[in-house]
Amino acid sequence: METRSSTDLPKTAKEYNGVDRNTFLFGWTPQAELWNGRLAMIGFLAYLLWDLAGYSVLRDVLHLIGY
């Protein structure tokens, strides 16, 4: 089995067009989709922790409208 030298490895994760995937680019780009997903995961986790702490926005709204 042949192994690659560490100098042959890419320095950053590249997209097919040669742009770094982790850079923040404004507009409809693959990078924007990655950032959107990351921020959505952070928001979902924040809401989950907030709900587990006893502060549920959804439960309070349902209680106010009579469900």
N, C-alpha and C. Protein backbone atom coordinates (compact mmCIF):
# COMPACT_ATOMS: atom_id res chain seq x y z
N MET A 1 0.85 -1.17 0.00
CA MET A 1 0.00 0.00 0.00
C MET A 1 0.90 1.24 0.00
N GLU A 2 0.54 2.19 -0.82
CA GLU A 2 1.32 3.42 -0.95
C GLU A 2 0.65 4.52 -0.13
N THR A 3 1.44 5.28 0.61
CA THR A 3 0.89 6.38 1.39
C THR A 3 1.32 7.71 0.78
N ARG A 4 0.49 8.72 1.01
CA ARG A 4 0.79 10.05 0.48
C ARG A 4 1.59 10.84 1.49
N SER A 5 2.45 11.66 0.98
CA SER A 5 3.23 12.56 1.83
C SER A 5 2.31 13.65 2.37
N SER A 6 2.60 14.16 3.56
CA SER A 6 1.77 15.22 4.13
C SER A 6 1.87 16.52 3.35
N THR A 7 2.89 16.67 2.53
CA THR A 7 3.00 17.89 1.72
C THR A 7 2.07 17.84 0.50
N ASP A 8 1.55 16.66 0.15
CA ASP A 8 0.64 16.53 -0.98
C ASP A 8 -0.81 16.84 -0.61
N LEU A 9 -1.11 16.94 0.68
CA LEU A 9 -2.48 17.15 1.10
C LEU A 9 -2.89 18.61 0.93
N PRO A 10 -4.17 18.88 0.65
CA PRO A 10 -4.62 20.26 0.48
C PRO A 10 -4.57 21.01 1.81
N LYS A 11 -4.32 22.31 1.73
CA LYS A 11 -4.21 23.13 2.94
C LYS A 11 -5.59 23.44 3.53
N THR A 12 -6.60 23.66 2.70
CA THR A 12 -7.95 23.95 3.17
C THR A 12 -8.94 23.09 2.40
N ALA A 13 -10.14 22.98 2.95
CA ALA A 13 -11.19 22.24 2.26
C ALA A 13 -11.66 23.08 1.08
N LYS A 14 -11.53 22.55 -0.11
CA LYS A 14 -11.87 23.29 -1.32
C LYS A 14 -13.19 22.81 -1.89
N GLU A 15 -13.98 23.71 -2.39
CA GLU A 15 -15.19 23.40 -3.14
C GLU A 15 -14.76 23.10 -4.57
N TYR A 16 -15.67 22.62 -5.38
CA TYR A 16 -15.31 22.26 -6.75
C TYR A 16 -14.79 23.45 -7.55
N ASN A 17 -15.20 24.68 -7.17
CA ASN A 17 -14.75 25.86 -7.89
C ASN A 17 -13.47 26.46 -7.31
N GLY A 18 -12.87 25.80 -6.33
CA GLY A 18 -11.61 26.27 -5.78
C GLY A 18 -11.72 27.30 -4.68
N VAL A 19 -12.93 27.58 -4.19
CA VAL A 19 -13.14 28.56 -3.12
C VAL A 19 -13.23 27.82 -1.80
N ASP A 20 -12.62 28.37 -0.76
CA ASP A 20 -12.67 27.75 0.56
C ASP A 20 -14.11 27.66 1.04
N ARG A 21 -14.53 26.47 1.47
CA ARG A 21 -15.93 26.27 1.88
C ARG A 21 -16.28 27.00 3.16
N ASN A 22 -15.32 27.35 3.99
CA ASN A 22 -15.61 27.96 5.27
C ASN A 22 -15.61 29.48 5.23
N THR A 23 -15.30 30.09 4.11
CA THR A 23 -15.34 31.55 4.03
C THR A 23 -16.78 32.01 3.98
N PHE A 24 -17.05 33.19 4.52
CA PHE A 24 -18.40 33.74 4.51
C PHE A 24 -18.54 34.58 3.25
N LEU A 25 -19.38 34.13 2.33
CA LEU A 25 -19.66 34.84 1.10
C LEU A 25 -21.13 35.21 1.08
N PHE A 26 -21.43 36.46 0.73
CA PHE A 26 -22.80 36.92 0.69
C PHE A 26 -23.46 36.49 -0.61
N GLY A 27 -24.71 36.07 -0.55
CA GLY A 27 -25.44 35.69 -1.75
C GLY A 27 -25.79 34.22 -1.76
N TRP A 28 -26.31 33.75 -2.89
CA TRP A 28 -26.73 32.37 -3.04
C TRP A 28 -25.55 31.52 -3.47
N THR A 29 -24.77 31.07 -2.51
CA THR A 29 -23.58 30.29 -2.78
C THR A 29 -23.60 29.01 -1.95
N PRO A 30 -22.84 28.00 -2.33
CA PRO A 30 -22.76 26.80 -1.48
C PRO A 30 -22.24 27.12 -0.08
N GLN A 31 -21.39 28.12 0.04
CA GLN A 31 -20.87 28.50 1.34
C GLN A 31 -22.00 29.05 2.22
N ALA A 32 -22.92 29.80 1.62
CA ALA A 32 -24.05 30.34 2.38
C ALA A 32 -24.92 29.22 2.93
N GLU A 33 -25.08 28.15 2.16
CA GLU A 33 -25.87 27.01 2.63
C GLU A 33 -25.19 26.33 3.82
N LEU A 34 -23.88 26.23 3.79
CA LEU A 34 -23.16 25.65 4.93
C LEU A 34 -23.35 26.50 6.18
N TRP A 35 -23.20 27.82 6.04
CA TRP A 35 -23.38 28.71 7.19
C TRP A 35 -24.82 28.70 7.68
N ASN A 36 -25.78 28.64 6.76
CA ASN A 36 -27.17 28.58 7.15
C ASN A 36 -27.44 27.33 7.97
N GLY A 37 -26.90 26.20 7.55
CA GLY A 37 -27.09 24.96 8.30
C GLY A 37 -26.45 25.01 9.67
N ARG A 38 -25.26 25.58 9.74
CA ARG A 38 -24.57 25.68 11.03
C ARG A 38 -25.35 26.56 12.01
N LEU A 39 -25.82 27.71 11.52
CA LEU A 39 -26.57 28.61 12.40
C LEU A 39 -27.92 28.00 12.79
N ALA A 40 -28.54 27.24 11.90
CA ALA A 40 -29.80 26.57 12.23
C ALA A 40 -29.57 25.53 13.32
N MET A 41 -28.47 24.79 13.24
CA MET A 41 -28.18 23.80 14.28
C MET A 41 -27.94 24.46 15.63
N ILE A 42 -27.25 25.59 15.64
CA ILE A 42 -27.02 26.31 16.89
C ILE A 42 -28.34 26.81 17.46
N GLY A 43 -29.21 27.36 16.59
CA GLY A 43 -30.51 27.84 17.04
C GLY A 43 -31.39 26.73 17.58
N PHE A 44 -31.39 25.59 16.91
CA PHE A 44 -32.19 24.46 17.38
C PHE A 44 -31.70 23.97 18.73
N LEU A 45 -30.39 23.87 18.90
CA LEU A 45 -29.83 23.44 20.18
C LEU A 45 -30.14 24.45 21.28
N ALA A 46 -30.05 25.74 20.97
CA ALA A 46 -30.36 26.77 21.96
C ALA A 46 -31.82 26.67 22.41
N TYR A 47 -32.73 26.48 21.44
CA TYR A 47 -34.15 26.35 21.80
C TYR A 47 -34.39 25.09 22.61
N LEU A 48 -33.74 23.99 22.25
CA LEU A 48 -33.90 22.74 22.98
C LEU A 48 -33.45 22.90 24.43
N LEU A 49 -32.30 23.53 24.64
CA LEU A 49 -31.82 23.76 26.00
C LEU A 49 -32.75 24.70 26.76
N TRP A 50 -33.26 25.73 26.08
CA TRP A 50 -34.19 26.68 26.70
C TRP A 50 -35.47 25.94 27.12
N ASP A 51 -35.95 25.03 26.27
CA ASP A 51 -37.16 24.27 26.57
C ASP A 51 -36.92 23.31 27.73
N LEU A 52 -35.77 22.65 27.76
CA LEU A 52 -35.47 21.74 28.86
C LEU A 52 -35.31 22.46 30.19
N ALA A 53 -34.96 23.74 30.13
CA ALA A 53 -34.83 24.53 31.36
C ALA A 53 -36.20 24.96 31.90
N GLY A 54 -37.27 24.72 31.12
CA GLY A 54 -38.61 25.05 31.60
C GLY A 54 -39.22 26.26 30.97
N TYR A 55 -38.55 26.90 30.05
CA TYR A 55 -39.07 28.08 29.38
C TYR A 55 -39.46 27.70 27.95
N SER A 56 -40.70 27.25 27.78
CA SER A 56 -41.14 26.78 26.47
C SER A 56 -42.05 27.82 25.82
N VAL A 57 -41.60 28.41 24.74
CA VAL A 57 -42.41 29.39 24.01
C VAL A 57 -43.61 28.69 23.40
N LEU A 58 -43.41 27.53 22.81
CA LEU A 58 -44.50 26.82 22.16
C LEU A 58 -45.57 26.42 23.18
N ARG A 59 -45.18 25.91 24.32
CA ARG A 59 -46.14 25.51 25.35
C ARG A 59 -46.91 26.73 25.88
N ASP A 60 -46.23 27.85 26.05
CA ASP A 60 -46.90 29.06 26.53
C ASP A 60 -47.91 29.58 25.51
N VAL A 61 -47.56 29.53 24.24
CA VAL A 61 -48.49 29.99 23.20
C VAL A 61 -49.70 29.08 23.15
N LEU A 62 -49.50 27.78 23.20
CA LEU A 62 -50.64 26.84 23.19
C LEU A 62 -51.51 27.02 24.42
N HIS A 63 -50.93 27.33 25.56
CA HIS A 63 -51.70 27.57 26.77
C HIS A 63 -52.53 28.85 26.64
N LEU A 64 -51.98 29.88 26.01
CA LEU A 64 -52.70 31.14 25.84
C LEU A 64 -53.89 31.01 24.91
N ILE A 65 -53.80 30.16 23.89
CA ILE A 65 -54.91 30.02 22.96
C ILE A 65 -55.89 28.91 23.38
N GLY A 66 -55.64 28.26 24.50
CA GLY A 66 -56.62 27.34 25.06
C GLY A 66 -56.41 25.87 24.76
N TYR A 67 -55.27 25.47 24.28
CA TYR A 67 -55.02 24.06 24.01
C TYR A 67 -54.34 23.40 25.16
